Protein backbone atom coordinates (compact mmCIF):
# COMPACT_ATOMS: atom_id res chain seq x y z
CA MET A 1 0.00 0.00 0.00
CA ASP A 2 2.94 2.38 -0.30
CA ASP A 3 2.19 3.25 -3.92
CA ILE A 4 0.23 6.39 -3.08
CA TYR A 5 0.55 9.20 -5.59
CA GLU A 6 -0.41 12.81 -5.35
CA GLN A 7 -1.06 14.94 -8.39
CA ARG A 8 -2.02 18.59 -8.19
CA ILE A 9 -3.70 20.19 -11.18
CA LYS A 10 -4.65 23.84 -11.27
CA ILE A 11 -8.18 23.92 -12.64
CA ASN A 12 -8.53 27.55 -13.62
CA GLN A 13 -5.13 28.70 -14.85
CA ASP A 14 -6.16 31.76 -16.89
CA GLN A 15 -8.54 33.38 -14.45
CA ALA A 16 -8.90 33.09 -10.70
CA LEU A 17 -12.02 31.35 -9.49
CA SER A 18 -13.90 33.68 -7.17
CA LEU A 19 -15.63 31.83 -4.34
CA HIS A 20 -17.65 33.71 -1.77
CA GLY A 21 -18.47 32.63 1.75
CA GLY A 22 -21.10 29.96 2.15
CA THR A 23 -21.58 26.27 1.61
CA TRP A 24 -20.29 24.86 -1.66
CA GLN A 25 -20.70 21.42 -3.18
CA PHE A 26 -18.23 19.98 -5.68
CA THR A 27 -18.92 16.85 -7.69
CA MET A 28 -16.30 14.61 -9.27
CA ALA A 29 -17.09 11.97 -11.83
CA ASN A 30 -15.14 9.15 -13.40
CA ILE A 31 -15.22 9.25 -17.19
CA MET A 32 -12.94 6.25 -17.69
CA ARG A 33 -14.23 2.95 -19.08
CA ASP A 34 -13.45 1.07 -15.91
CA ASP A 35 -15.94 1.91 -13.22
CA PRO A 36 -14.89 1.81 -10.43
CA LEU A 37 -11.22 2.40 -11.06
CA GLU A 38 -9.09 -0.25 -9.41
CA HIS A 39 -6.62 0.85 -6.78
CA VAL A 40 -8.06 4.36 -6.55
CA LEU A 41 -8.61 4.81 -2.86
CA ASP A 42 -9.49 8.45 -2.51
CA ILE A 43 -9.75 11.71 -4.38
CA GLY A 44 -10.05 15.21 -3.00
CA ILE A 45 -10.13 18.91 -3.68
CA ARG A 46 -7.87 21.48 -2.09
CA LEU A 47 -8.75 25.15 -2.25
CA GLU A 48 -5.95 27.64 -1.85
CA LYS A 49 -6.30 31.32 -1.27
CA GLY A 50 -4.23 33.03 -3.92
CA PRO A 51 -3.17 36.63 -4.39
CA LEU A 52 -6.00 38.99 -5.21
CA SER A 53 -5.85 41.05 -8.34
CA VAL A 54 -6.71 44.76 -8.32
CA THR A 55 -10.19 44.09 -9.69
CA GLN A 56 -10.95 41.52 -6.98
CA VAL A 57 -9.98 43.65 -3.99
CA SER A 58 -13.06 44.96 -2.25
CA PRO A 59 -12.86 48.34 -0.57
CA ASP A 60 -12.36 48.19 3.17
CA ALA A 61 -13.93 50.29 5.90
CA SER A 62 -11.26 53.00 5.73
CA PHE A 63 -12.16 53.64 2.07
CA TYR A 64 -15.80 54.26 3.01
CA LYS A 65 -14.77 56.44 5.96
CA LYS A 66 -12.56 58.60 3.73
CA ARG A 67 -15.33 58.87 1.18
CA LEU A 68 -17.85 59.89 3.85
CA VAL A 69 -15.46 62.57 5.15
CA MET A 70 -14.97 63.92 1.62
CA VAL A 71 -18.70 64.01 0.88
CA SER A 72 -19.35 65.73 4.22
CA MET A 73 -16.72 68.37 3.48
CA VAL A 74 -18.20 69.08 0.04
CA PHE A 75 -21.70 69.26 1.55
CA TRP A 76 -20.69 71.76 4.24
CA PHE A 77 -18.68 73.87 1.77
CA LEU A 78 -21.63 74.13 -0.62
CA LEU A 79 -24.04 74.89 2.23
CA PHE A 80 -21.75 77.65 3.54
CA TYR A 81 -21.38 79.03 0.00
CA ILE A 82 -25.16 79.16 -0.53
CA VAL A 83 -25.79 80.81 2.87
CA ALA A 84 -23.02 83.37 2.22
CA ALA A 85 -24.49 84.16 -1.22
CA LEU A 86 -27.97 84.65 0.29
CA VAL A 87 -26.61 86.92 3.04
CA TRP A 88 -24.69 88.97 0.48
CA TRP A 89 -27.82 89.20 -1.72
CA PHE A 90 -29.99 90.40 1.22
CA ILE A 91 -27.38 92.98 2.27
CA SER A 92 -26.98 94.29 -1.27
CA ALA A 93 -30.76 94.29 -1.78
CA GLY A 94 -31.17 96.43 1.35
CA LYS A 95 -28.72 99.03 0.05
CA THR A 96 -30.36 99.28 -3.35
CA LYS A 97 -32.85 102.10 -3.83
CA TRP A 98 -36.01 100.47 -5.15
CA PRO A 99 -38.74 102.45 -6.89
CA ASP A 100 -41.99 102.76 -5.07
CA ASP A 101 -44.78 100.94 -6.84
CA HIS A 102 -47.38 103.51 -5.84
CA VAL A 103 -45.45 106.41 -7.37
CA ALA A 104 -46.38 107.03 -10.99
CA GLY A 105 -43.60 106.78 -13.48
CA GLY A 106 -41.62 103.90 -11.97
CA TRP A 107 -37.84 104.47 -12.14
CA PRO A 108 -36.66 108.10 -11.97
């Protein structure tokens, strides 16, 4: 029984197989003429975590925190800008001499 062989074959060589958390079921089938194969005691699958490519990396919490800070800063800047524009408009409108509607002739 010391004739045990191990052969590792990478299934998806061109593109990484993306598995997400959960329960997975793999099925193996014998497509040889002899069924069952003599002297085959066991087969198995080994999953290895490989390096992630740039497209597979999901953003972490710090990315979302930085994005939230940036959006908040833009929001407050725009709000301050709008309030400052309204204040300036009200101040300049108060200094402008408007014609009285009840006076005939409108503008002098």
